[in-house]
Amino acid sequence: MDNKIQIFEDKRIRTAWNEETEEWYFSVVDVVSVLTDSADGRKYWNKLKQRLKEEGNETVTNCHQLKMTAADGRMREKL
C-alpha cells in the first residue's frame, strides 16, 4: 500500500492507495478537520460518532483502520 499526503485548501489529508484493489483510502479525521475547520479533527469525529449513536444511527459498518504517517513521522492506525 502506498501512503501519500494530499493537499486540500492548504491542509494535509493523509491517503493510502491500495494497488491490489485500485482504491484510495482517506483519513476521516483529516477530512473532518478540513470540512469543519476544526483544530482537532479527532475530537470532532469522536463527538459526532457519539451523538449519532445516541440518536440511534451508526456512522458506518465496522471499518478497518489503516496505518498512516502521523505528525511525528511514525506509522499509526487511523480512520
N, C-alpha and C. Protein backbone atom coordinates (compact mmCIF):
# COMPACT_ATOMS: atom_id res chain seq x y z
N MET A 1 0.85 -1.17 0.00
CA MET A 1 0.00 0.00 0.00
C MET A 1 0.90 1.24 0.00
N ASP A 2 0.57 2.19 -0.83
CA ASP A 2 1.36 3.40 -0.99
C ASP A 2 0.69 4.54 -0.24
N ASN A 3 1.38 5.14 0.73
CA ASN A 3 0.83 6.24 1.53
C ASN A 3 1.32 7.57 0.99
N LYS A 4 0.41 8.49 0.81
CA LYS A 4 0.73 9.82 0.29
C LYS A 4 -0.02 10.88 1.09
N ILE A 5 0.45 12.11 0.98
CA ILE A 5 -0.24 13.26 1.57
C ILE A 5 -0.87 14.04 0.42
N GLN A 6 -2.15 14.34 0.54
CA GLN A 6 -2.84 15.17 -0.43
C GLN A 6 -3.07 16.53 0.21
N ILE A 7 -3.12 17.55 -0.59
CA ILE A 7 -3.35 18.91 -0.09
C ILE A 7 -4.71 19.38 -0.59
N PHE A 8 -5.54 19.87 0.35
CA PHE A 8 -6.84 20.42 0.02
C PHE A 8 -6.99 21.72 0.79
N GLU A 9 -7.14 22.81 0.06
CA GLU A 9 -7.24 24.13 0.66
C GLU A 9 -6.11 24.37 1.66
N ASP A 10 -4.90 24.05 1.24
CA ASP A 10 -3.68 24.23 2.03
C ASP A 10 -3.63 23.39 3.30
N LYS A 11 -4.46 22.36 3.39
CA LYS A 11 -4.44 21.48 4.56
C LYS A 11 -4.11 20.07 4.09
N ARG A 12 -3.42 19.34 4.96
CA ARG A 12 -2.95 17.99 4.61
C ARG A 12 -4.02 16.94 4.91
N ILE A 13 -4.19 16.02 3.99
CA ILE A 13 -5.06 14.87 4.17
C ILE A 13 -4.25 13.63 3.84
N ARG A 14 -4.12 12.75 4.83
CA ARG A 14 -3.37 11.52 4.61
C ARG A 14 -4.20 10.54 3.79
N THR A 15 -3.55 9.91 2.83
CA THR A 15 -4.22 8.95 1.96
C THR A 15 -3.37 7.70 1.84
N ALA A 16 -4.02 6.65 1.38
CA ALA A 16 -3.31 5.40 1.08
C ALA A 16 -3.91 4.82 -0.19
N TRP A 17 -3.07 4.36 -1.08
CA TRP A 17 -3.50 3.74 -2.33
C TRP A 17 -3.27 2.24 -2.21
N ASN A 18 -4.33 1.47 -2.45
CA ASN A 18 -4.23 0.02 -2.43
C ASN A 18 -4.11 -0.44 -3.88
N GLU A 19 -2.91 -0.84 -4.24
CA GLU A 19 -2.63 -1.25 -5.62
C GLU A 19 -3.47 -2.47 -6.02
N GLU A 20 -3.66 -3.38 -5.10
CA GLU A 20 -4.38 -4.62 -5.39
C GLU A 20 -5.84 -4.37 -5.76
N THR A 21 -6.51 -3.52 -4.99
CA THR A 21 -7.93 -3.24 -5.26
C THR A 21 -8.13 -1.97 -6.07
N GLU A 22 -7.04 -1.24 -6.32
CA GLU A 22 -7.07 0.03 -7.03
C GLU A 22 -8.06 1.00 -6.41
N GLU A 23 -7.91 1.19 -5.08
CA GLU A 23 -8.79 2.09 -4.33
C GLU A 23 -7.96 3.04 -3.48
N TRP A 24 -8.44 4.29 -3.35
CA TRP A 24 -7.85 5.26 -2.45
C TRP A 24 -8.56 5.18 -1.10
N TYR A 25 -7.82 5.35 -0.03
CA TYR A 25 -8.37 5.46 1.32
C TYR A 25 -7.92 6.80 1.87
N PHE A 26 -8.82 7.49 2.57
CA PHE A 26 -8.54 8.80 3.12
C PHE A 26 -8.71 8.78 4.63
N SER A 27 -7.93 9.56 5.34
CA SER A 27 -8.06 9.68 6.78
C SER A 27 -9.32 10.48 7.09
N VAL A 28 -10.29 9.84 7.74
CA VAL A 28 -11.55 10.50 8.10
C VAL A 28 -11.27 11.70 8.99
N VAL A 29 -10.36 11.54 9.93
CA VAL A 29 -10.03 12.61 10.86
C VAL A 29 -9.51 13.83 10.10
N ASP A 30 -8.65 13.61 9.12
CA ASP A 30 -8.12 14.72 8.33
C ASP A 30 -9.21 15.39 7.51
N VAL A 31 -10.08 14.61 6.90
CA VAL A 31 -11.17 15.16 6.08
C VAL A 31 -12.12 15.97 6.96
N VAL A 32 -12.46 15.44 8.14
CA VAL A 32 -13.34 16.16 9.06
C VAL A 32 -12.70 17.49 9.48
N SER A 33 -11.41 17.47 9.74
CA SER A 33 -10.70 18.70 10.12
C SER A 33 -10.82 19.76 9.03
N VAL A 34 -10.65 19.35 7.78
CA VAL A 34 -10.73 20.30 6.67
C VAL A 34 -12.15 20.81 6.47
N LEU A 35 -13.12 19.90 6.48
CA LEU A 35 -14.50 20.29 6.20
C LEU A 35 -15.12 21.14 7.30
N THR A 36 -14.69 20.94 8.54
CA THR A 36 -15.28 21.67 9.66
C THR A 36 -14.40 22.82 10.14
N ASP A 37 -13.20 22.92 9.58
CA ASP A 37 -12.21 23.91 10.01
C ASP A 37 -11.93 23.74 11.51
N SER A 38 -11.94 22.49 11.95
CA SER A 38 -11.71 22.16 13.35
C SER A 38 -10.22 22.06 13.65
N ALA A 39 -9.83 22.53 14.81
CA ALA A 39 -8.43 22.42 15.23
C ALA A 39 -8.06 20.99 15.58
N ASP A 40 -9.03 20.22 16.08
CA ASP A 40 -8.79 18.83 16.46
C ASP A 40 -9.85 17.94 15.83
N GLY A 41 -9.55 17.44 14.65
CA GLY A 41 -10.48 16.61 13.90
C GLY A 41 -10.84 15.32 14.61
N ARG A 42 -9.90 14.77 15.38
CA ARG A 42 -10.17 13.52 16.10
C ARG A 42 -11.26 13.72 17.15
N LYS A 43 -11.18 14.80 17.93
CA LYS A 43 -12.21 15.08 18.94
C LYS A 43 -13.56 15.33 18.26
N TYR A 44 -13.55 16.08 17.17
CA TYR A 44 -14.78 16.39 16.44
C TYR A 44 -15.42 15.10 15.94
N TRP A 45 -14.62 14.23 15.33
CA TRP A 45 -15.12 12.96 14.79
C TRP A 45 -15.67 12.07 15.90
N ASN A 46 -14.95 11.96 17.02
CA ASN A 46 -15.42 11.13 18.13
C ASN A 46 -16.74 11.65 18.70
N LYS A 47 -16.87 12.96 18.85
CA LYS A 47 -18.11 13.54 19.37
C LYS A 47 -19.27 13.32 18.39
N LEU A 48 -19.00 13.47 17.11
CA LEU A 48 -20.01 13.24 16.09
C LEU A 48 -20.50 11.79 16.12
N LYS A 49 -19.58 10.84 16.21
CA LYS A 49 -19.96 9.42 16.29
C LYS A 49 -20.79 9.16 17.53
N GLN A 50 -20.40 9.76 18.66
CA GLN A 50 -21.13 9.58 19.91
C GLN A 50 -22.57 10.10 19.77
N ARG A 51 -22.73 11.29 19.21
CA ARG A 51 -24.06 11.88 19.04
C ARG A 51 -24.93 11.05 18.10
N LEU A 52 -24.34 10.58 17.02
CA LEU A 52 -25.10 9.75 16.08
C LEU A 52 -25.56 8.45 16.73
N LYS A 53 -24.68 7.86 17.52
CA LYS A 53 -25.02 6.62 18.21
C LYS A 53 -26.17 6.85 19.20
N GLU A 54 -26.13 7.97 19.92
CA GLU A 54 -27.19 8.32 20.88
C GLU A 54 -28.53 8.50 20.17
N GLU A 55 -28.49 8.96 18.91
CA GLU A 55 -29.71 9.15 18.13
C GLU A 55 -30.18 7.85 17.50
N GLY A 56 -29.40 6.79 17.66
CA GLY A 56 -29.77 5.51 17.08
C GLY A 56 -29.21 5.27 15.69
N ASN A 57 -28.31 6.14 15.26
CA ASN A 57 -27.68 5.99 13.95
C ASN A 57 -26.28 5.41 14.10
N GLU A 58 -25.86 4.67 13.14
CA GLU A 58 -24.48 4.19 13.09
C GLU A 58 -23.78 4.94 11.97
N THR A 59 -22.55 5.36 12.22
CA THR A 59 -21.83 6.12 11.21
C THR A 59 -21.54 5.26 9.99
N VAL A 60 -21.00 4.10 10.22
CA VAL A 60 -20.67 3.17 9.14
C VAL A 60 -20.61 1.77 9.73
N THR A 61 -20.47 0.80 8.86
CA THR A 61 -20.23 -0.54 9.36
C THR A 61 -18.82 -0.57 9.94
N ASN A 62 -18.44 -1.67 10.50
CA ASN A 62 -17.09 -1.78 11.07
C ASN A 62 -16.05 -1.49 10.00
N CYS A 63 -15.23 -0.50 10.25
CA CYS A 63 -14.18 -0.12 9.30
C CYS A 63 -12.83 -0.60 9.82
N HIS A 64 -11.99 -0.98 8.91
CA HIS A 64 -10.64 -1.37 9.28
C HIS A 64 -9.77 -0.12 9.31
N GLN A 65 -8.99 0.01 10.36
CA GLN A 65 -8.08 1.15 10.43
C GLN A 65 -6.81 0.81 9.67
N LEU A 66 -6.29 1.81 8.98
CA LEU A 66 -5.05 1.65 8.23
C LEU A 66 -3.95 2.41 8.93
N LYS A 67 -2.74 1.93 8.78
CA LYS A 67 -1.61 2.67 9.33
C LYS A 67 -1.25 3.78 8.36
N MET A 68 -1.23 5.01 8.91
CA MET A 68 -0.85 6.18 8.13
C MET A 68 0.18 6.96 8.92
N THR A 69 0.95 7.76 8.23
CA THR A 69 2.01 8.52 8.88
C THR A 69 1.41 9.62 9.75
N ALA A 70 1.79 9.62 11.03
CA ALA A 70 1.33 10.63 11.99
C ALA A 70 2.23 11.86 11.89
N ALA A 71 1.87 12.91 12.61
CA ALA A 71 2.64 14.16 12.58
C ALA A 71 4.09 13.95 13.02
N ASP A 72 4.34 12.97 13.89
CA ASP A 72 5.70 12.71 14.36
C ASP A 72 6.48 11.79 13.43
N GLY A 73 5.87 11.41 12.28
CA GLY A 73 6.56 10.58 11.30
C GLY A 73 6.38 9.09 11.50
N ARG A 74 5.76 8.69 12.59
CA ARG A 74 5.54 7.27 12.85
C ARG A 74 4.27 6.79 12.15
N MET A 75 4.24 5.49 11.87
CA MET A 75 3.06 4.89 11.25
C MET A 75 2.12 4.45 12.36
N ARG A 76 0.90 4.99 12.34
CA ARG A 76 -0.10 4.64 13.34
C ARG A 76 -1.41 4.34 12.65
N GLU A 77 -2.26 3.54 13.32
CA GLU A 77 -3.57 3.24 12.76
C GLU A 77 -4.46 4.47 12.88
N LYS A 78 -5.11 4.79 11.79
CA LYS A 78 -6.01 5.96 11.73
C LYS A 78 -7.26 5.57 10.99
N LEU A 79 -8.29 6.32 11.24
CA LEU A 79 -9.53 6.18 10.48
C LEU A 79 -9.53 7.18 9.37
